[in-house]
Amino acid sequence: MTHSSAHVATPEVIVIGEALVDVVTSADGTAEHPGGSPANVAYGLGRLGVGTALLTAIGNDERGRAVEAHLQSAGVMLLPGSKSQDRTASATATVAANGSASYDFDIRWELPPIAPAFLPKVLHTGSIATFLAPGAAAVKALLEQSHRECVVTYDPNIRPALLGSHADARSLFEELVPLTDVVKLSDEDAQWLYPELQLEDVAARVLRFGAELAVVTRGSEGSLLATPAAQLYLPAVKSTVADTIGAGDSYMAALIYGLLARGTDGFTPAVLDTIGRIASKAAAITVRRPGANPPTAEELLADLPGLVPAGTVVA
């Protein structure tokens, strides 16, 4: 896929959050892949032909160069100030026989005190970047500055090993939600944040805090998309699982792709159905391939005849 400089010069989406190297240990040995949930979302958007930029904190080291090359291969631009660390963070993922992964992190998260020079159509953040001090405060400040000017999407992608107390993590989450429009949680995120609530009640709570759309993904059980006016349950798209690495991030990237394509239709049930199916299909394509390997727009649309809204531009 080719990307013109104009395509990235004024990106439609800015992603703010960590980029790191996943060190994956499995029965086959150890391999390194660029990763980090926000970086994966940015990469997924780039693969879908969406002009995307990432504001992150990596080192000017071998791993940082690998991360940058990986993002550039999908047409994603690193925003100035992103190479601010003395070394690039890593996450060691141990993959079990069923394809699920557990993580051990070596990360320092701080953002330089800069704001993007322009606001995109969509600003996405999530994961470690929204919880880990000192960078989390900078992310919150950027959302406070921009949430009235663009659509803000948020995926908390909870990593309990990196969080302080449960109460502190929950309050950080609840302080961010009013600054967002769309919140996506996995069922694991929802159960960790609110162990006492059913998934539908977690979605309702997120909406009460001010989000317009709450999405709860449930792996092979499908997903729930909820607005103050409607609740929609969508089945998962059947897929043979190689591993689940990057599936949630691929879902998130395709959800944003769907949001950009919906035009001025808001969150009607028809829009929810379309964007939910697009996102589910992207996750299904990703889990059948090893590692975080999201679909291109061509792959996604080939699997989704008639589902993509009119006016969608495939780069």
C-alpha atoms as a PDB file:
ATOM      1  CA  MET A   1       0.000   0.000   0.000  1.00  0.00           C
ATOM      2  CA  THR A   2       1.389   3.398  -0.872  1.00  0.00           C
ATOM      3  CA  HIS A   3       0.854   6.457   1.264  1.00  0.00           C
ATOM      4  CA  SER A   4       1.219   9.944  -0.138  1.00  0.00           C
ATOM      5  CA  SER A   5       2.764  12.587   2.100  1.00  0.00           C
ATOM      6  CA  ALA A   6      -0.534  14.497   1.980  1.00  0.00           C
ATOM      7  CA  HIS A   7      -2.244  11.411   3.389  1.00  0.00           C
ATOM      8  CA  VAL A   8      -0.263  11.710   6.627  1.00  0.00           C
ATOM      9  CA  ALA A   9       0.427  15.468   6.686  1.00  0.00           C
ATOM     10  CA  THR A  10      -3.006  16.115   8.195  1.00  0.00           C
ATOM     11  CA  PRO A  11      -3.937  12.830   9.852  1.00  0.00           C
ATOM     12  CA  GLU A  12      -7.574  12.034  10.508  1.00  0.00           C
ATOM     13  CA  VAL A  13      -6.617  10.239  13.725  1.00  0.00           C
ATOM     14  CA  ILE A  14      -4.025  10.965  16.411  1.00  0.00           C
ATOM     15  CA  VAL A  15      -3.271   8.167  18.853  1.00  0.00           C
ATOM     16  CA  ILE A  16      -1.639   9.021  22.198  1.00  0.00           C
ATOM     17  CA  GLY A  17      -0.030   6.225  24.165  1.00  0.00           C
ATOM     18  CA  GLU A  18       2.722   3.711  24.643  1.00  0.00           C
ATOM     19  CA  ALA A  19       4.714   1.929  21.965  1.00  0.00           C
ATOM     20  CA  LEU A  20       6.948  -0.911  23.078  1.00  0.00           C
ATOM     21  CA  VAL A  21       8.472  -4.209  22.037  1.00  0.00           C
ATOM     22  CA  ASP A  22       6.595  -7.416  22.825  1.00  0.00           C
ATOM     23  CA  VAL A  23       9.032 -10.187  23.690  1.00  0.00           C
ATOM     24  CA  VAL A  24       6.886 -13.262  23.023  1.00  0.00           C
ATOM     25  CA  THR A  25       7.878 -16.542  24.653  1.00  0.00           C
ATOM     26  CA  SER A  26       6.045 -19.669  23.523  1.00  0.00           C
ATOM     27  CA  ALA A  27       6.706 -23.348  22.876  1.00  0.00           C
ATOM     28  CA  ASP A  28       8.417 -22.259  19.640  1.00  0.00           C
ATOM     29  CA  GLY A  29      10.993 -20.050  21.416  1.00  0.00           C
ATOM     30  CA  THR A  30      11.291 -16.270  21.827  1.00  0.00           C
ATOM     31  CA  ALA A  31      10.596 -13.548  19.271  1.00  0.00           C
ATOM     32  CA  GLU A  32      10.338  -9.746  19.421  1.00  0.00           C
ATOM     33  CA  HIS A  33       7.536  -7.732  17.793  1.00  0.00           C
ATOM     34  CA  PRO A  34       6.686  -4.022  17.998  1.00  0.00           C
ATOM     35  CA  GLY A  35       3.574  -3.610  20.161  1.00  0.00           C
ATOM     36  CA  GLY A  36       1.805  -1.641  22.852  1.00  0.00           C
ATOM     37  CA  SER A  37      -1.958  -1.254  22.617  1.00  0.00           C
ATOM     38  CA  PRO A  38      -2.058   2.375  21.360  1.00  0.00           C
ATOM     39  CA  ALA A  39       0.723   1.690  18.837  1.00  0.00           C
ATOM     40  CA  ASN A  40      -1.172  -1.401  17.656  1.00  0.00           C
ATOM     41  CA  VAL A  41      -4.321   0.708  17.193  1.00  0.00           C
ATOM     42  CA  ALA A  42      -2.349   3.285  15.188  1.00  0.00           C
ATOM     43  CA  TYR A  43      -0.812   0.513  13.072  1.00  0.00           C
ATOM     44  CA  GLY A  44      -4.250  -1.047  12.548  1.00  0.00           C
ATOM     45  CA  LEU A  45      -5.632   2.293  11.368  1.00  0.00           C
ATOM     46  CA  GLY A  46      -2.696   2.786   9.019  1.00  0.00           C
ATOM     47  CA  ARG A  47      -3.291  -0.679   7.540  1.00  0.00           C
ATOM     48  CA  LEU A  48      -6.903   0.376   6.932  1.00  0.00           C
ATOM     49  CA  GLY A  49      -5.715   3.366   4.932  1.00  0.00           C
ATOM     50  CA  VAL A  50      -6.558   5.984   7.565  1.00  0.00           C
ATOM     51  CA  GLY A  51      -4.105   8.883   7.906  1.00  0.00           C
ATOM     52  CA  THR A  52      -2.775   8.339  11.432  1.00  0.00           C
ATOM     53  CA  ALA A  53      -0.138   9.857  13.724  1.00  0.00           C
ATOM     54  CA  LEU A  54       1.147   8.546  17.071  1.00  0.00           C
ATOM     55  CA  LEU A  55       2.351  10.592  20.040  1.00  0.00           C
ATOM     56  CA  THR A  56       4.393   8.224  22.187  1.00  0.00           C
ATOM     57  CA  ALA A  57       7.617   7.870  24.205  1.00  0.00           C
ATOM     58  CA  ILE A  58      10.268   5.534  22.797  1.00  0.00           C
ATOM     59  CA  GLY A  59      14.055   5.495  22.890  1.00  0.00           C
ATOM     60  CA  ASN A  60      16.433   6.268  20.050  1.00  0.00           C
ATOM     61  CA  ASP A  61      17.699   2.686  20.283  1.00  0.00           C
ATOM     62  CA  GLU A  62      17.491  -0.494  18.241  1.00  0.00           C
ATOM     63  CA  ARG A  63      14.059  -1.405  19.608  1.00  0.00           C
ATOM     64  CA  GLY A  64      12.803   2.146  19.086  1.00  0.00           C
ATOM     65  CA  ARG A  65      13.964   2.055  15.469  1.00  0.00           C
ATOM     66  CA  ALA A  66      12.157  -1.268  15.005  1.00  0.00           C
ATOM     67  CA  VAL A  67       8.954   0.277  16.402  1.00  0.00           C
ATOM     68  CA  GLU A  68       9.284   3.324  14.134  1.00  0.00           C
ATOM     69  CA  ALA A  69       9.950   1.218  11.026  1.00  0.00           C
ATOM     70  CA  HIS A  70       6.958  -0.995  11.839  1.00  0.00           C
ATOM     71  CA  LEU A  71       4.648   2.021  12.166  1.00  0.00           C
ATOM     72  CA  GLN A  72       6.033   3.663   9.026  1.00  0.00           C
ATOM     73  CA  SER A  73       5.379   0.444   7.078  1.00  0.00           C
ATOM     74  CA  ALA A  74       1.662   1.133   7.641  1.00  0.00           C
ATOM     75  CA  GLY A  75       2.006   4.850   6.861  1.00  0.00           C
ATOM     76  CA  VAL A  76       1.791   5.956  10.519  1.00  0.00           C
ATOM     77  CA  MET A  77       3.675   9.136  11.429  1.00  0.00           C
ATOM     78  CA  LEU A  78       5.476   9.545  14.762  1.00  0.00           C
ATOM     79  CA  LEU A  79       4.708  13.006  16.126  1.00  0.00           C
ATOM     80  CA  PRO A  80       7.644  15.232  17.129  1.00  0.00           C
ATOM     81  CA  GLY A  81       8.887  14.609  20.658  1.00  0.00           C
ATOM     82  CA  SER A  82       8.062  10.892  20.599  1.00  0.00           C
ATOM     83  CA  LYS A  83      11.708   9.756  20.898  1.00  0.00           C
ATOM     84  CA  SER A  84      12.163  11.107  24.407  1.00  0.00           C
ATOM     85  CA  GLN A  85      13.287   8.058  26.400  1.00  0.00           C
ATOM     86  CA  ASP A  86      16.723   6.589  27.058  1.00  0.00           C
ATOM     87  CA  ARG A  87      15.389   3.161  26.130  1.00  0.00           C
ATOM     88  CA  THR A  88      12.313   1.665  24.528  1.00  0.00           C
ATOM     89  CA  ALA A  89       9.882  -0.137  26.816  1.00  0.00           C
ATOM     90  CA  SER A  90       9.249  -3.872  26.572  1.00  0.00           C
ATOM     91  CA  ALA A  91       6.547  -6.338  27.542  1.00  0.00           C
ATOM     92  CA  THR A  92       7.393 -10.005  27.900  1.00  0.00           C
ATOM     93  CA  ALA A  93       4.395 -12.054  26.806  1.00  0.00           C
ATOM     94  CA  THR A  94       4.173 -15.744  27.658  1.00  0.00           C
ATOM     95  CA  VAL A  95       1.753 -17.529  25.332  1.00  0.00           C
ATOM     96  CA  ALA A  96      -0.165 -20.501  26.740  1.00  0.00           C
ATOM     97  CA  ALA A  97      -1.233 -23.550  24.747  1.00  0.00           C
ATOM     98  CA  ASN A  98      -4.701 -22.040  24.135  1.00  0.00           C
ATOM     99  CA  GLY A  99      -3.186 -18.896  22.556  1.00  0.00           C
ATOM    100  CA  SER A 100      -3.845 -16.559  25.504  1.00  0.00           C
ATOM    101  CA  ALA A 101      -0.975 -14.389  26.738  1.00  0.00           C
ATOM    102  CA  SER A 102       0.207 -13.096  30.131  1.00  0.00           C
ATOM    103  CA  TYR A 103       2.496 -10.048  30.361  1.00  0.00           C
ATOM    104  CA  ASP A 104       5.436  -8.751  32.382  1.00  0.00           C
ATOM    105  CA  PHE A 105       6.364  -5.092  31.714  1.00  0.00           C
ATOM    106  CA  ASP A 106       9.522  -2.978  31.720  1.00  0.00           C
ATOM    107  CA  ILE A 107       8.172   0.493  31.023  1.00  0.00           C
ATOM    108  CA  ARG A 108       8.622   4.108  32.005  1.00  0.00           C
ATOM    109  CA  TRP A 109       5.835   6.353  30.687  1.00  0.00           C
ATOM    110  CA  GLU A 110       6.202  10.087  30.395  1.00  0.00           C
ATOM    111  CA  LEU A 111       5.245  12.513  27.665  1.00  0.00           C
ATOM    112  CA  PRO A 112       7.096  15.688  26.772  1.00  0.00           C
ATOM    113  CA  PRO A 113       5.032  18.812  27.580  1.00  0.00           C
ATOM    114  CA  ILE A 114       3.874  19.308  23.991  1.00  0.00           C
ATOM    115  CA  ALA A 115       0.456  19.294  22.384  1.00  0.00           C
ATOM    116  CA  PRO A 116      -0.268  18.236  18.803  1.00  0.00           C
ATOM    117  CA  ALA A 117      -0.090  21.214  16.435  1.00  0.00           C
ATOM    118  CA  PHE A 118      -3.598  20.460  15.133  1.00  0.00           C
ATOM    119  CA  LEU A 119      -6.628  18.461  16.180  1.00  0.00           C
ATOM    120  CA  PRO A 120      -7.713  15.417  14.194  1.00  0.00           C
ATOM    121  CA  LYS A 121     -11.218  14.102  13.558  1.00  0.00           C
ATOM    122  CA  VAL A 122     -10.590  11.372  16.162  1.00  0.00           C
ATOM    123  CA  LEU A 123      -8.219  11.350  19.121  1.00  0.00           C
ATOM    124  CA  HIS A 124      -7.616   7.873  20.587  1.00  0.00           C
ATOM    125  CA  THR A 125      -5.879   6.910  23.804  1.00  0.00           C
ATOM    126  CA  GLY A 126      -5.794   4.030  26.201  1.00  0.00           C
ATOM    127  CA  SER A 127      -4.000   1.316  28.082  1.00  0.00           C
ATOM    128  CA  ILE A 128      -0.909   1.916  30.223  1.00  0.00           C
ATOM    129  CA  ALA A 129      -0.649   5.526  28.989  1.00  0.00           C
ATOM    130  CA  THR A 130      -3.812   6.530  30.840  1.00  0.00           C
ATOM    131  CA  PHE A 131      -2.883   4.970  34.194  1.00  0.00           C
ATOM    132  CA  LEU A 132       0.907   5.121  34.679  1.00  0.00           C
ATOM    133  CA  ALA A 133       2.410   8.277  36.224  1.00  0.00           C
ATOM    134  CA  PRO A 134       3.795  10.692  35.269  1.00  0.00           C
ATOM    135  CA  GLY A 135       2.613  10.371  31.652  1.00  0.00           C
ATOM    136  CA  ALA A 136      -1.021   9.659  32.546  1.00  0.00           C
ATOM    137  CA  ALA A 137      -1.477  13.238  33.801  1.00  0.00           C
ATOM    138  CA  ALA A 138      -0.188  14.598  30.475  1.00  0.00           C
ATOM    139  CA  VAL A 139      -2.641  12.388  28.570  1.00  0.00           C
ATOM    140  CA  LYS A 140      -5.526  13.623  30.714  1.00  0.00           C
ATOM    141  CA  ALA A 141      -4.469  17.237  30.139  1.00  0.00           C
ATOM    142  CA  LEU A 142      -4.452  16.680  26.358  1.00  0.00           C
ATOM    143  CA  LEU A 143      -7.962  15.201  26.518  1.00  0.00           C
ATOM    144  CA  GLU A 144      -9.168  18.154  28.606  1.00  0.00           C
ATOM    145  CA  GLN A 145      -7.831  20.532  25.952  1.00  0.00           C
ATOM    146  CA  SER A 146      -9.292  18.731  22.956  1.00  0.00           C
ATOM    147  CA  HIS A 147     -12.359  16.657  23.829  1.00  0.00           C
ATOM    148  CA  ARG A 148     -14.852  19.334  22.782  1.00  0.00           C
ATOM    149  CA  GLU A 149     -13.167  19.755  19.395  1.00  0.00           C
ATOM    150  CA  CYS A 150     -12.891  16.161  18.172  1.00  0.00           C
ATOM    151  CA  VAL A 151     -14.243  12.671  18.808  1.00  0.00           C
ATOM    152  CA  VAL A 152     -12.294  10.990  21.630  1.00  0.00           C
ATOM    153  CA  THR A 153     -12.087   7.192  21.836  1.00  0.00           C
ATOM    154  CA  TYR A 154     -10.703   5.306  24.842  1.00  0.00           C
ATOM    155  CA  ASP A 155      -9.719   1.690  25.498  1.00  0.00           C
ATOM    156  CA  PRO A 156      -8.466   1.204  29.088  1.00  0.00           C
ATOM    157  CA  ASN A 157      -6.958  -2.211  28.200  1.00  0.00           C
ATOM    158  CA  ILE A 158      -6.345  -2.935  31.880  1.00  0.00           C
ATOM    159  CA  ARG A 159      -2.934  -4.340  32.859  1.00  0.00           C
ATOM    160  CA  PRO A 160      -3.315  -5.150  36.579  1.00  0.00           C
ATOM    161  CA  ALA A 161       0.431  -5.788  36.999  1.00  0.00           C
ATOM    162  CA  LEU A 162       1.099  -2.095  36.318  1.00  0.00           C
ATOM    163  CA  LEU A 163      -1.706  -0.565  38.351  1.00  0.00           C
ATOM    164  CA  GLY A 164      -1.710   0.640  41.930  1.00  0.00           C
ATOM    165  CA  SER A 165      -4.757   0.024  44.072  1.00  0.00           C
ATOM    166  CA  HIS A 166      -8.009  -1.047  42.465  1.00  0.00           C
ATOM    167  CA  ALA A 167      -9.757   2.041  43.857  1.00  0.00           C
ATOM    168  CA  ASP A 168      -7.127   4.394  42.392  1.00  0.00           C
ATOM    169  CA  ALA A 169      -7.265   2.737  38.981  1.00  0.00           C
ATOM    170  CA  ARG A 170     -11.056   2.883  38.921  1.00  0.00           C
ATOM    171  CA  SER A 171     -11.078   6.559  39.857  1.00  0.00           C
ATOM    172  CA  LEU A 172      -8.528   7.352  37.106  1.00  0.00           C
ATOM    173  CA  PHE A 173     -10.773   5.552  34.629  1.00  0.00           C
ATOM    174  CA  GLU A 174     -13.868   7.412  35.863  1.00  0.00           C
ATOM    175  CA  GLU A 175     -12.098  10.772  35.599  1.00  0.00           C
ATOM    176  CA  LEU A 176     -11.224  10.115  31.949  1.00  0.00           C
ATOM    177  CA  VAL A 177     -14.577   8.800  30.722  1.00  0.00           C
ATOM    178  CA  PRO A 178     -16.325  12.242  30.835  1.00  0.00           C
ATOM    179  CA  LEU A 179     -13.600  13.513  28.456  1.00  0.00           C
ATOM    180  CA  THR A 180     -14.413  10.799  25.893  1.00  0.00           C
ATOM    181  CA  ASP A 181     -17.137   9.926  23.389  1.00  0.00           C
ATOM    182  CA  VAL A 182     -16.545   6.206  22.813  1.00  0.00           C
ATOM    183  CA  VAL A 183     -15.231   3.753  25.416  1.00  0.00           C
ATOM    184  CA  LYS A 184     -14.323   0.169  24.508  1.00  0.00           C
ATOM    185  CA  LEU A 185     -13.777  -2.408  27.265  1.00  0.00           C
ATOM    186  CA  SER A 186     -13.067  -6.101  27.044  1.00  0.00           C
ATOM    187  CA  ASP A 187     -15.168  -8.267  29.343  1.00  0.00           C
ATOM    188  CA  GLU A 188     -11.958  -8.785  31.384  1.00  0.00           C
ATOM    189  CA  ASP A 189     -11.516  -4.998  31.726  1.00  0.00           C
ATOM    190  CA  ALA A 190     -15.154  -4.589  32.770  1.00  0.00           C
ATOM    191  CA  GLN A 191     -14.969  -7.401  35.332  1.00  0.00           C
ATOM    192  CA  TRP A 192     -11.696  -6.094  36.771  1.00  0.00           C
ATOM    193  CA  LEU A 193     -12.993  -2.525  37.129  1.00  0.00           C
ATOM    194  CA  TYR A 194     -16.480  -3.485  38.361  1.00  0.00           C
ATOM    195  CA  PRO A 195     -16.450  -7.074  39.672  1.00  0.00           C
ATOM    196  CA  GLU A 196     -19.838  -6.515  41.283  1.00  0.00           C
ATOM    197  CA  LEU A 197     -21.635  -5.518  38.053  1.00  0.00           C
ATOM    198  CA  GLN A 198     -23.001  -7.361  35.028  1.00  0.00           C
ATOM    199  CA  LEU A 199     -21.499  -6.292  31.683  1.00  0.00           C
ATOM    200  CA  GLU A 200     -24.707  -4.449  30.693  1.00  0.00           C
ATOM    201  CA  ASP A 201     -24.530  -2.494  33.946  1.00  0.00           C
ATOM    202  CA  VAL A 202     -20.878  -1.600  33.331  1.00  0.00           C
ATOM    203  CA  ALA A 203     -21.843  -0.214  29.918  1.00  0.00           C
ATOM    204  CA  ALA A 204     -24.696   1.761  31.508  1.00  0.00           C
ATOM    205  CA  ARG A 205     -22.311   3.170  34.112  1.00  0.00           C
ATOM    206  CA  VAL A 206     -19.838   4.294  31.437  1.00  0.00           C
ATOM    207  CA  LEU A 207     -22.686   6.063  29.627  1.00  0.00           C
ATOM    208  CA  ARG A 208     -23.762   7.784  32.855  1.00  0.00           C
ATOM    209  CA  PHE A 209     -20.244   9.183  33.215  1.00  0.00           C
ATOM    210  CA  GLY A 210     -20.713  10.912  29.858  1.00  0.00           C
ATOM    211  CA  ALA A 211     -19.605   8.638  27.018  1.00  0.00           C
ATOM    212  CA  GLU A 212     -21.957   8.494  24.008  1.00  0.00           C
ATOM    213  CA  LEU A 213     -21.113   4.880  23.118  1.00  0.00           C
ATOM    214  CA  ALA A 214     -19.932   2.042  25.367  1.00  0.00           C
ATOM    215  CA  VAL A 215     -18.638  -1.129  23.725  1.00  0.00           C
ATOM    216  CA  VAL A 216     -17.936  -4.327  25.665  1.00  0.00           C
ATOM    217  CA  THR A 217     -16.183  -7.091  23.725  1.00  0.00           C
ATOM    218  CA  ARG A 218     -16.631 -10.679  24.888  1.00  0.00           C
ATOM    219  CA  GLY A 219     -14.226 -12.660  22.702  1.00  0.00           C
ATOM    220  CA  SER A 220     -15.969 -15.589  21.062  1.00  0.00           C
ATOM    221  CA  GLU A 221     -19.247 -14.509  22.734  1.00  0.00           C
ATOM    222  CA  GLY A 222     -19.491 -11.374  20.562  1.00  0.00           C
ATOM    223  CA  SER A 223     -19.889  -7.777  21.674  1.00  0.00           C
ATOM    224  CA  LEU A 224     -22.315  -5.324  23.231  1.00  0.00           C
ATOM    225  CA  LEU A 225     -22.700  -1.798  21.827  1.00  0.00           C
ATOM    226  CA  ALA A 226     -24.728   0.525  24.057  1.00  0.00           C
ATOM    227  CA  THR A 227     -25.875   4.142  23.811  1.00  0.00           C
ATOM    228  CA  PRO A 228     -28.321   5.938  26.089  1.00  0.00           C
ATOM    229  CA  ALA A 229     -31.022   5.060  23.518  1.00  0.00           C
ATOM    230  CA  ALA A 230     -30.135   1.519  22.365  1.00  0.00           C
ATOM    231  CA  GLN A 231     -28.387  -1.742  23.230  1.00  0.00           C
ATOM    232  CA  LEU A 232     -27.166  -4.025  20.478  1.00  0.00           C
ATOM    233  CA  TYR A 233     -25.663  -7.489  20.861  1.00  0.00           C
ATOM    234  CA  LEU A 234     -23.588  -8.759  17.952  1.00  0.00           C
ATOM    235  CA  PRO A 235     -22.248 -12.297  17.578  1.00  0.00           C
ATOM    236  CA  ALA A 236     -18.525 -12.820  17.114  1.00  0.00           C
ATOM    237  CA  VAL A 237     -17.322 -13.730  13.645  1.00  0.00           C
ATOM    238  CA  LYS A 238     -16.195 -17.355  13.705  1.00  0.00           C
ATOM    239  CA  SER A 239     -12.448 -17.740  13.302  1.00  0.00           C
ATOM    240  CA  THR A 240      -9.713 -20.292  13.902  1.00  0.00           C
ATOM    241  CA  VAL A 241      -7.480 -18.841  16.620  1.00  0.00           C
ATOM    242  CA  ALA A 242      -3.703 -18.734  16.075  1.00  0.00           C
ATOM    243  CA  ASP A 243      -3.335 -16.356  19.052  1.00  0.00           C
ATOM    244  CA  THR A 244      -5.265 -13.442  20.527  1.00  0.00           C
ATOM    245  CA  ILE A 245      -2.396 -10.907  20.464  1.00  0.00           C
ATOM    246  CA  GLY A 246      -3.618  -7.620  19.026  1.00  0.00           C
ATOM    247  CA  ALA A 247      -7.237  -8.759  18.552  1.00  0.00           C
ATOM    248  CA  GLY A 248      -8.699  -6.084  20.836  1.00  0.00           C
ATOM    249  CA  ASP A 249      -6.512  -3.406  19.248  1.00  0.00           C
ATOM    250  CA  SER A 250      -7.574  -4.514  15.769  1.00  0.00           C
ATOM    251  CA  TYR A 251     -11.214  -4.316  16.906  1.00  0.00           C
ATOM    252  CA  MET A 252     -10.568  -0.799  18.245  1.00  0.00           C
ATOM    253  CA  ALA A 253      -8.864   0.379  15.036  1.00  0.00           C
ATOM    254  CA  ALA A 254     -11.736  -0.929  12.907  1.00  0.00           C
ATOM    255  CA  LEU A 255     -14.260   0.670  15.295  1.00  0.00           C
ATOM    256  CA  ILE A 256     -12.566   4.038  14.688  1.00  0.00           C
ATOM    257  CA  TYR A 257     -12.541   3.304  10.928  1.00  0.00           C
ATOM    258  CA  GLY A 258     -16.299   2.745  11.161  1.00  0.00           C
ATOM    259  CA  LEU A 259     -16.787   5.961  13.153  1.00  0.00           C
ATOM    260  CA  LEU A 260     -14.971   7.947  10.453  1.00  0.00           C
ATOM    261  CA  ALA A 261     -17.128   6.339   7.745  1.00  0.00           C
ATOM    262  CA  ARG A 262     -20.509   6.975   9.370  1.00  0.00           C
ATOM    263  CA  GLY A 263     -20.752  10.595   8.269  1.00  0.00           C
ATOM    264  CA  THR A 264     -23.343  12.560  10.223  1.00  0.00           C
ATOM    265  CA  ASP A 265     -25.536   9.615  11.188  1.00  0.00           C
ATOM    266  CA  GLY A 266     -24.639   9.660  14.891  1.00  0.00           C
ATOM    267  CA  PHE A 267     -25.226   6.372  16.721  1.00  0.00           C
ATOM    268  CA  THR A 268     -28.413   5.050  15.150  1.00  0.00           C
ATOM    269  CA  PRO A 269     -29.007   1.304  15.546  1.00  0.00           C
ATOM    270  CA  ALA A 270     -28.027   0.861  11.881  1.00  0.00           C
ATOM    271  CA  VAL A 271     -24.707   2.666  12.492  1.00  0.00           C
ATOM    272  CA  LEU A 272     -24.042   0.578  15.615  1.00  0.00           C
ATOM    273  CA  ASP A 273     -24.726  -2.601  13.637  1.00  0.00           C
ATOM    274  CA  THR A 274     -22.362  -1.586  10.837  1.00  0.00           C
ATOM    275  CA  ILE A 275     -19.447  -0.423  12.967  1.00  0.00           C
ATOM    276  CA  GLY A 276     -19.817  -3.398  15.305  1.00  0.00           C
ATOM    277  CA  ARG A 277     -19.699  -5.867  12.412  1.00  0.00           C
ATOM    278  CA  ILE A 278     -16.704  -4.111  10.851  1.00  0.00           C
ATOM    279  CA  ALA A 279     -14.824  -4.262  14.172  1.00  0.00           C
ATOM    280  CA  SER A 280     -15.760  -7.915  14.826  1.00  0.00           C
ATOM    281  CA  LYS A 281     -14.582  -8.913  11.363  1.00  0.00           C
ATOM    282  CA  ALA A 282     -11.232  -7.143  11.859  1.00  0.00           C
ATOM    283  CA  ALA A 283     -10.678  -8.975  15.157  1.00  0.00           C
ATOM    284  CA  ALA A 284     -11.561 -12.314  13.541  1.00  0.00           C
ATOM    285  CA  ILE A 285      -9.042 -11.754  10.741  1.00  0.00           C
ATOM    286  CA  THR A 286      -6.361 -10.804  13.292  1.00  0.00           C
ATOM    287  CA  VAL A 287      -6.776 -13.826  15.602  1.00  0.00           C
ATOM    288  CA  ARG A 288      -6.346 -16.288  12.764  1.00  0.00           C
ATOM    289  CA  ARG A 289      -2.836 -14.908  12.114  1.00  0.00           C
ATOM    290  CA  PRO A 290       0.080 -15.024  14.579  1.00  0.00           C
ATOM    291  CA  GLY A 291       0.990 -11.783  16.395  1.00  0.00           C
ATOM    292  CA  ALA A 292      -0.638  -8.356  16.030  1.00  0.00           C
ATOM    293  CA  ASN A 293      -1.300  -8.530  12.276  1.00  0.00           C
ATOM    294  CA  PRO A 294      -4.487  -6.550  11.524  1.00  0.00           C
ATOM    295  CA  PRO A 295      -6.245  -6.510   8.154  1.00  0.00           C
ATOM    296  CA  THR A 296      -5.838  -4.053   5.324  1.00  0.00           C
ATOM    297  CA  ALA A 297      -8.952  -2.253   4.140  1.00  0.00           C
ATOM    298  CA  GLU A 298      -8.995  -4.508   1.083  1.00  0.00           C
ATOM    299  CA  GLU A 299      -9.020  -7.645   3.259  1.00  0.00           C
ATOM    300  CA  LEU A 300     -11.691  -6.246   5.547  1.00  0.00           C
ATOM    301  CA  LEU A 301     -13.969  -5.080   2.754  1.00  0.00           C
ATOM    302  CA  ALA A 302     -13.530  -8.320   0.789  1.00  0.00           C
ATOM    303  CA  ASP A 303     -15.011 -10.083   3.813  1.00  0.00           C
ATOM    304  CA  LEU A 304     -17.761  -7.510   4.250  1.00  0.00           C
ATOM    305  CA  PRO A 305     -19.626  -6.969   0.988  1.00  0.00           C
ATOM    306  CA  GLY A 306     -22.428  -4.478   1.427  1.00  0.00           C
ATOM    307  CA  LEU A 307     -21.631  -3.684   5.072  1.00  0.00           C
ATOM    308  CA  VAL A 308     -19.463  -0.612   4.707  1.00  0.00           C
ATOM    309  CA  PRO A 309     -21.324   2.718   4.714  1.00  0.00           C
ATOM    310  CA  ALA A 310     -21.691   4.725   1.540  1.00  0.00           C
ATOM    311  CA  GLY A 311     -18.942   7.278   1.106  1.00  0.00           C
ATOM    312  CA  THR A 312     -16.249   5.127   2.699  1.00  0.00           C
ATOM    313  CA  VAL A 313     -12.913   5.895   1.079  1.00  0.00           C
ATOM    314  CA  VAL A 314     -10.440   3.048   0.886  1.00  0.00           C
ATOM    315  CA  ALA A 315      -6.919   4.406   0.487  1.00  0.00           C
END
